[in-house]
Amino acid sequence: MKIPKYARSMVFVARSFVALLLVAAPAAWVTLHAQRQAPALSALDYAEIGQLANRYAHAIDTCSNNGYDYADLYTADGTFTDDMTDEGYAKKGLVRARGREELARAAGGGTLGCRSVGWNGWSHLMLNHVITPAPGGARGRVYLVTIGAKGPNSVERFGGYEDFYVKTAQGWRIQSRTHVRNKAWHNPLLQSPDLN
């Protein structure tokens, strides 16, 4: 018995539809699952988080408002962790400042009064800022490049910052920032033992 041409077309369409479902359904499930884990960020969220990096550089360079402009970029219990210096790296991260007063001092201000800022004359540049949604907020990675650390014309990569951001009543703030070494995010095959 000969199968009519229209029947063969319908079988082809049905098979194509089943194949499409087999491909699309898992992709839709993965997308839906990812959306449940980390809510999407709006364009405004990305812009506001990006401004934290820019404001951070200005505040740390200038010791503005006696270091409190820097401290106010963080949540009330925000932390700055050192995984860059030899001491911090040996301890797999050393919290150098927690809370507003310690953060203001970390910027050279607070009770220190901006009298002895170790990076006076430097410019901090935040480059290649990558922001990703995360449960409870967002994660960020940004390279730190300095101008003037070794003289007026020096330009040097000085590791990077690994951040966790949360949205507060005052807007986006840094909940935790860890200063990491240059190769902290590299493929293990490209890393050196000291990550520098």
C-alpha atoms as a PDB file:
ATOM      1  CA  MET A   1       0.000   0.000   0.000  1.00  0.00           C
ATOM      2  CA  LYS A   2       1.329   3.397  -0.990  1.00  0.00           C
ATOM      3  CA  ILE A   3       1.414   6.146   1.720  1.00  0.00           C
ATOM      4  CA  PRO A   4      -0.075   9.399   0.451  1.00  0.00           C
ATOM      5  CA  LYS A   5       2.330  12.324   0.108  1.00  0.00           C
ATOM      6  CA  TYR A   6       0.459  14.471   2.664  1.00  0.00           C
ATOM      7  CA  ALA A   7       0.744  11.654   5.243  1.00  0.00           C
ATOM      8  CA  ARG A   8       4.504  11.463   4.758  1.00  0.00           C
ATOM      9  CA  SER A   9       4.693  15.248   5.282  1.00  0.00           C
ATOM     10  CA  MET A  10       2.690  14.978   8.489  1.00  0.00           C
ATOM     11  CA  VAL A  11       5.001  12.203   9.794  1.00  0.00           C
ATOM     12  CA  PHE A  12       8.009  14.408   9.003  1.00  0.00           C
ATOM     13  CA  VAL A  13       6.415  17.364  10.837  1.00  0.00           C
ATOM     14  CA  ALA A  14       5.565  15.168  13.855  1.00  0.00           C
ATOM     15  CA  ARG A  15       9.114  13.779  14.046  1.00  0.00           C
ATOM     16  CA  SER A  16      10.568  17.280  13.734  1.00  0.00           C
ATOM     17  CA  PHE A  17       8.296  18.502  16.518  1.00  0.00           C
ATOM     18  CA  VAL A  18       9.374  15.637  18.833  1.00  0.00           C
ATOM     19  CA  ALA A  19      13.043  16.314  18.043  1.00  0.00           C
ATOM     20  CA  LEU A  20      12.542  20.011  18.814  1.00  0.00           C
ATOM     21  CA  LEU A  21      10.920  19.169  22.150  1.00  0.00           C
ATOM     22  CA  LEU A  22      13.792  16.843  23.065  1.00  0.00           C
ATOM     23  CA  VAL A  23      16.259  19.679  22.473  1.00  0.00           C
ATOM     24  CA  ALA A  24      14.244  22.651  23.763  1.00  0.00           C
ATOM     25  CA  ALA A  25      12.771  21.155  26.945  1.00  0.00           C
ATOM     26  CA  PRO A  26      16.124  20.521  28.699  1.00  0.00           C
ATOM     27  CA  ALA A  27      17.389  23.972  27.675  1.00  0.00           C
ATOM     28  CA  ALA A  28      14.231  25.590  29.057  1.00  0.00           C
ATOM     29  CA  TRP A  29      14.582  23.638  32.305  1.00  0.00           C
ATOM     30  CA  VAL A  30      18.220  24.750  32.728  1.00  0.00           C
ATOM     31  CA  THR A  31      17.246  28.375  32.071  1.00  0.00           C
ATOM     32  CA  LEU A  32      14.332  28.235  34.514  1.00  0.00           C
ATOM     33  CA  HIS A  33      16.478  26.528  37.161  1.00  0.00           C
ATOM     34  CA  ALA A  34      19.225  29.159  36.792  1.00  0.00           C
ATOM     35  CA  GLN A  35      16.678  31.967  37.119  1.00  0.00           C
ATOM     36  CA  ARG A  36      15.389  30.495  40.382  1.00  0.00           C
ATOM     37  CA  GLN A  37      18.900  30.315  41.838  1.00  0.00           C
ATOM     38  CA  ALA A  38      20.044  33.848  40.992  1.00  0.00           C
ATOM     39  CA  PRO A  39      17.513  36.535  40.126  1.00  0.00           C
ATOM     40  CA  ALA A  40      18.364  38.543  37.054  1.00  0.00           C
ATOM     41  CA  LEU A  41      19.921  41.960  37.462  1.00  0.00           C
ATOM     42  CA  SER A  42      18.442  44.953  35.670  1.00  0.00           C
ATOM     43  CA  ALA A  43      20.450  47.346  33.540  1.00  0.00           C
ATOM     44  CA  LEU A  44      20.163  49.829  36.415  1.00  0.00           C
ATOM     45  CA  ASP A  45      21.570  47.241  38.848  1.00  0.00           C
ATOM     46  CA  TYR A  46      24.615  46.724  36.608  1.00  0.00           C
ATOM     47  CA  ALA A  47      25.123  50.487  36.302  1.00  0.00           C
ATOM     48  CA  GLU A  48      24.827  51.076  40.060  1.00  0.00           C
ATOM     49  CA  ILE A  49      27.215  48.225  40.883  1.00  0.00           C
ATOM     50  CA  GLY A  50      29.655  49.545  38.277  1.00  0.00           C
ATOM     51  CA  GLN A  51      29.513  52.928  39.993  1.00  0.00           C
ATOM     52  CA  LEU A  52      30.668  51.286  43.231  1.00  0.00           C
ATOM     53  CA  ALA A  53      33.954  50.377  41.516  1.00  0.00           C
ATOM     54  CA  ASN A  54      34.379  53.914  40.193  1.00  0.00           C
ATOM     55  CA  ARG A  55      33.483  55.566  43.490  1.00  0.00           C
ATOM     56  CA  TYR A  56      35.808  53.152  45.318  1.00  0.00           C
ATOM     57  CA  ALA A  57      38.784  54.322  43.243  1.00  0.00           C
ATOM     58  CA  HIS A  58      38.016  57.997  43.861  1.00  0.00           C
ATOM     59  CA  ALA A  59      37.421  57.503  47.586  1.00  0.00           C
ATOM     60  CA  ILE A  60      40.582  55.458  48.202  1.00  0.00           C
ATOM     61  CA  ASP A  61      42.748  57.850  46.145  1.00  0.00           C
ATOM     62  CA  THR A  62      41.547  61.015  47.867  1.00  0.00           C
ATOM     63  CA  CYS A  63      40.726  59.934  51.449  1.00  0.00           C
ATOM     64  CA  SER A  64      37.568  61.977  50.931  1.00  0.00           C
ATOM     65  CA  ASN A  65      35.369  62.743  53.910  1.00  0.00           C
ATOM     66  CA  ASN A  66      38.193  61.461  56.143  1.00  0.00           C
ATOM     67  CA  GLY A  67      37.845  57.928  54.681  1.00  0.00           C
ATOM     68  CA  TYR A  68      34.124  57.656  55.321  1.00  0.00           C
ATOM     69  CA  ASP A  69      33.192  57.978  51.628  1.00  0.00           C
ATOM     70  CA  TYR A  70      35.191  54.775  51.165  1.00  0.00           C
ATOM     71  CA  ALA A  71      33.643  53.079  54.199  1.00  0.00           C
ATOM     72  CA  ASP A  72      30.121  53.997  53.084  1.00  0.00           C
ATOM     73  CA  LEU A  73      30.552  51.987  49.873  1.00  0.00           C
ATOM     74  CA  TYR A  74      30.275  48.902  52.091  1.00  0.00           C
ATOM     75  CA  THR A  75      27.415  47.483  54.123  1.00  0.00           C
ATOM     76  CA  ALA A  76      27.460  48.293  57.853  1.00  0.00           C
ATOM     77  CA  ASP A  77      29.187  44.939  58.499  1.00  0.00           C
ATOM     78  CA  GLY A  78      31.200  44.952  55.264  1.00  0.00           C
ATOM     79  CA  THR A  79      34.661  43.407  55.128  1.00  0.00           C
ATOM     80  CA  PHE A  80      37.903  43.978  53.261  1.00  0.00           C
ATOM     81  CA  THR A  81      40.046  40.840  53.067  1.00  0.00           C
ATOM     82  CA  ASP A  82      43.707  40.709  52.065  1.00  0.00           C
ATOM     83  CA  ASP A  83      44.700  37.701  49.956  1.00  0.00           C
ATOM     84  CA  MET A  84      47.380  39.748  48.170  1.00  0.00           C
ATOM     85  CA  THR A  85      50.216  40.457  50.607  1.00  0.00           C
ATOM     86  CA  ASP A  86      52.531  37.651  51.694  1.00  0.00           C
ATOM     87  CA  GLU A  87      50.884  37.583  55.131  1.00  0.00           C
ATOM     88  CA  GLY A  88      47.336  37.568  53.761  1.00  0.00           C
ATOM     89  CA  TYR A  89      48.153  34.974  51.108  1.00  0.00           C
ATOM     90  CA  ALA A  90      49.868  32.675  53.644  1.00  0.00           C
ATOM     91  CA  LYS A  91      46.707  32.793  55.788  1.00  0.00           C
ATOM     92  CA  LYS A  92      44.452  32.164  52.739  1.00  0.00           C
ATOM     93  CA  GLY A  93      42.823  35.524  53.354  1.00  0.00           C
ATOM     94  CA  LEU A  94      43.127  37.926  56.274  1.00  0.00           C
ATOM     95  CA  VAL A  95      40.257  40.257  57.160  1.00  0.00           C
ATOM     96  CA  ARG A  96      41.918  43.670  57.462  1.00  0.00           C
ATOM     97  CA  ALA A  97      38.792  45.721  58.108  1.00  0.00           C
ATOM     98  CA  ARG A  98      35.218  45.043  59.228  1.00  0.00           C
ATOM     99  CA  GLY A  99      32.569  47.712  59.713  1.00  0.00           C
ATOM    100  CA  ARG A 100      32.505  51.441  59.050  1.00  0.00           C
ATOM    101  CA  GLU A 101      35.204  52.639  61.459  1.00  0.00           C
ATOM    102  CA  GLU A 102      37.780  50.014  60.482  1.00  0.00           C
ATOM    103  CA  LEU A 103      37.053  50.578  56.794  1.00  0.00           C
ATOM    104  CA  ALA A 104      37.538  54.346  57.168  1.00  0.00           C
ATOM    105  CA  ARG A 105      40.926  53.648  58.816  1.00  0.00           C
ATOM    106  CA  ALA A 106      41.770  51.180  56.025  1.00  0.00           C
ATOM    107  CA  ALA A 107      41.353  54.107  53.612  1.00  0.00           C
ATOM    108  CA  GLY A 108      43.759  56.163  55.727  1.00  0.00           C
ATOM    109  CA  GLY A 109      41.016  58.165  57.416  1.00  0.00           C
ATOM    110  CA  GLY A 110      38.921  57.819  60.543  1.00  0.00           C
ATOM    111  CA  THR A 111      41.153  58.157  63.605  1.00  0.00           C
ATOM    112  CA  LEU A 112      44.206  58.263  61.279  1.00  0.00           C
ATOM    113  CA  GLY A 113      42.984  61.568  59.840  1.00  0.00           C
ATOM    114  CA  CYS A 114      44.371  61.009  56.302  1.00  0.00           C
ATOM    115  CA  ARG A 115      47.827  62.024  57.571  1.00  0.00           C
ATOM    116  CA  SER A 116      49.752  58.977  56.361  1.00  0.00           C
ATOM    117  CA  VAL A 117      48.042  57.408  53.358  1.00  0.00           C
ATOM    118  CA  GLY A 118      50.417  54.768  51.969  1.00  0.00           C
ATOM    119  CA  TRP A 119      49.255  55.258  48.385  1.00  0.00           C
ATOM    120  CA  ASN A 120      49.319  59.053  48.311  1.00  0.00           C
ATOM    121  CA  GLY A 121      49.970  60.064  44.700  1.00  0.00           C
ATOM    122  CA  TRP A 122      48.646  56.808  43.233  1.00  0.00           C
ATOM    123  CA  SER A 123      45.616  56.459  41.036  1.00  0.00           C
ATOM    124  CA  HIS A 124      43.570  53.281  41.379  1.00  0.00           C
ATOM    125  CA  LEU A 125      41.946  52.114  38.135  1.00  0.00           C
ATOM    126  CA  MET A 126      39.240  49.454  38.153  1.00  0.00           C
ATOM    127  CA  LEU A 127      39.249  47.598  34.820  1.00  0.00           C
ATOM    128  CA  ASN A 128      37.359  44.728  33.192  1.00  0.00           C
ATOM    129  CA  HIS A 129      34.613  44.639  35.796  1.00  0.00           C
ATOM    130  CA  VAL A 130      32.556  41.462  35.482  1.00  0.00           C
ATOM    131  CA  ILE A 131      29.262  41.356  37.417  1.00  0.00           C
ATOM    132  CA  THR A 132      27.148  38.213  37.718  1.00  0.00           C
ATOM    133  CA  PRO A 133      23.833  37.632  39.505  1.00  0.00           C
ATOM    134  CA  ALA A 134      24.097  35.504  42.641  1.00  0.00           C
ATOM    135  CA  PRO A 135      21.611  34.348  45.265  1.00  0.00           C
ATOM    136  CA  GLY A 136      21.194  37.263  47.671  1.00  0.00           C
ATOM    137  CA  GLY A 137      22.893  39.819  45.426  1.00  0.00           C
ATOM    138  CA  ALA A 138      25.681  39.801  42.854  1.00  0.00           C
ATOM    139  CA  ARG A 139      29.310  38.787  42.515  1.00  0.00           C
ATOM    140  CA  GLY A 140      32.000  40.853  40.891  1.00  0.00           C
ATOM    141  CA  ARG A 141      35.570  40.608  39.726  1.00  0.00           C
ATOM    142  CA  VAL A 142      37.609  43.615  38.697  1.00  0.00           C
ATOM    143  CA  TYR A 143      41.289  44.121  37.862  1.00  0.00           C
ATOM    144  CA  LEU A 144      43.192  46.709  39.885  1.00  0.00           C
ATOM    145  CA  VAL A 145      45.722  48.749  37.929  1.00  0.00           C
ATOM    146  CA  THR A 146      47.681  51.518  39.614  1.00  0.00           C
ATOM    147  CA  ILE A 147      49.375  54.569  38.216  1.00  0.00           C
ATOM    148  CA  GLY A 148      52.181  56.082  40.279  1.00  0.00           C
ATOM    149  CA  ALA A 149      52.935  53.203  42.673  1.00  0.00           C
ATOM    150  CA  LYS A 150      56.594  53.095  41.574  1.00  0.00           C
ATOM    151  CA  GLY A 151      56.962  56.673  40.398  1.00  0.00           C
ATOM    152  CA  PRO A 152      54.896  59.188  38.462  1.00  0.00           C
ATOM    153  CA  ASN A 153      54.938  57.264  35.153  1.00  0.00           C
ATOM    154  CA  SER A 154      54.569  53.703  36.444  1.00  0.00           C
ATOM    155  CA  VAL A 155      51.563  51.618  35.460  1.00  0.00           C
ATOM    156  CA  GLU A 156      51.176  48.292  37.209  1.00  0.00           C
ATOM    157  CA  ARG A 157      48.598  45.553  37.590  1.00  0.00           C
ATOM    158  CA  PHE A 158      48.083  45.104  41.321  1.00  0.00           C
ATOM    159  CA  GLY A 159      45.891  42.002  41.430  1.00  0.00           C
ATOM    160  CA  GLY A 160      42.163  42.408  41.529  1.00  0.00           C
ATOM    161  CA  TYR A 161      39.123  42.511  43.737  1.00  0.00           C
ATOM    162  CA  GLU A 162      36.609  39.725  44.219  1.00  0.00           C
ATOM    163  CA  ASP A 163      33.370  41.149  45.565  1.00  0.00           C
ATOM    164  CA  PHE A 164      29.944  40.277  46.851  1.00  0.00           C
ATOM    165  CA  TYR A 165      27.349  43.048  46.484  1.00  0.00           C
ATOM    166  CA  VAL A 166      23.966  43.380  48.169  1.00  0.00           C
ATOM    167  CA  LYS A 167      21.132  45.811  47.564  1.00  0.00           C
ATOM    168  CA  THR A 168      20.336  47.863  50.663  1.00  0.00           C
ATOM    169  CA  ALA A 169      17.921  50.686  51.408  1.00  0.00           C
ATOM    170  CA  GLN A 170      20.793  53.032  50.424  1.00  0.00           C
ATOM    171  CA  GLY A 171      21.381  51.200  47.110  1.00  0.00           C
ATOM    172  CA  TRP A 172      23.981  48.608  46.140  1.00  0.00           C
ATOM    173  CA  ARG A 173      26.851  48.160  48.589  1.00  0.00           C
ATOM    174  CA  ILE A 174      29.920  45.956  48.904  1.00  0.00           C
ATOM    175  CA  GLN A 175      29.351  43.289  51.521  1.00  0.00           C
ATOM    176  CA  SER A 176      32.776  41.737  51.068  1.00  0.00           C
ATOM    177  CA  ARG A 177      35.822  42.615  48.996  1.00  0.00           C
ATOM    178  CA  THR A 178      38.889  40.398  48.754  1.00  0.00           C
ATOM    179  CA  HIS A 179      42.106  41.703  47.237  1.00  0.00           C
ATOM    180  CA  VAL A 180      43.560  38.790  45.243  1.00  0.00           C
ATOM    181  CA  ARG A 181      46.791  38.205  43.352  1.00  0.00           C
ATOM    182  CA  ASN A 182      47.267  38.703  39.605  1.00  0.00           C
ATOM    183  CA  LYS A 183      46.690  35.093  38.562  1.00  0.00           C
ATOM    184  CA  ALA A 184      44.009  34.141  41.089  1.00  0.00           C
ATOM    185  CA  TRP A 185      41.408  33.698  38.342  1.00  0.00           C
ATOM    186  CA  HIS A 186      43.659  32.093  35.717  1.00  0.00           C
ATOM    187  CA  ASN A 187      43.303  28.575  34.436  1.00  0.00           C
ATOM    188  CA  PRO A 188      45.407  26.370  36.771  1.00  0.00           C
ATOM    189  CA  LEU A 189      47.723  25.544  33.866  1.00  0.00           C
ATOM    190  CA  LEU A 190      48.613  29.263  33.641  1.00  0.00           C
ATOM    191  CA  GLN A 191      49.062  29.873  37.368  1.00  0.00           C
ATOM    192  CA  SER A 192      52.371  30.164  39.186  1.00  0.00           C
ATOM    193  CA  PRO A 193      52.670  28.746  42.717  1.00  0.00           C
ATOM    194  CA  ASP A 194      52.410  32.224  44.268  1.00  0.00           C
ATOM    195  CA  LEU A 195      49.650  33.378  41.830  1.00  0.00           C
ATOM    196  CA  ASN A 196      51.712  36.453  40.863  1.00  0.00           C
END
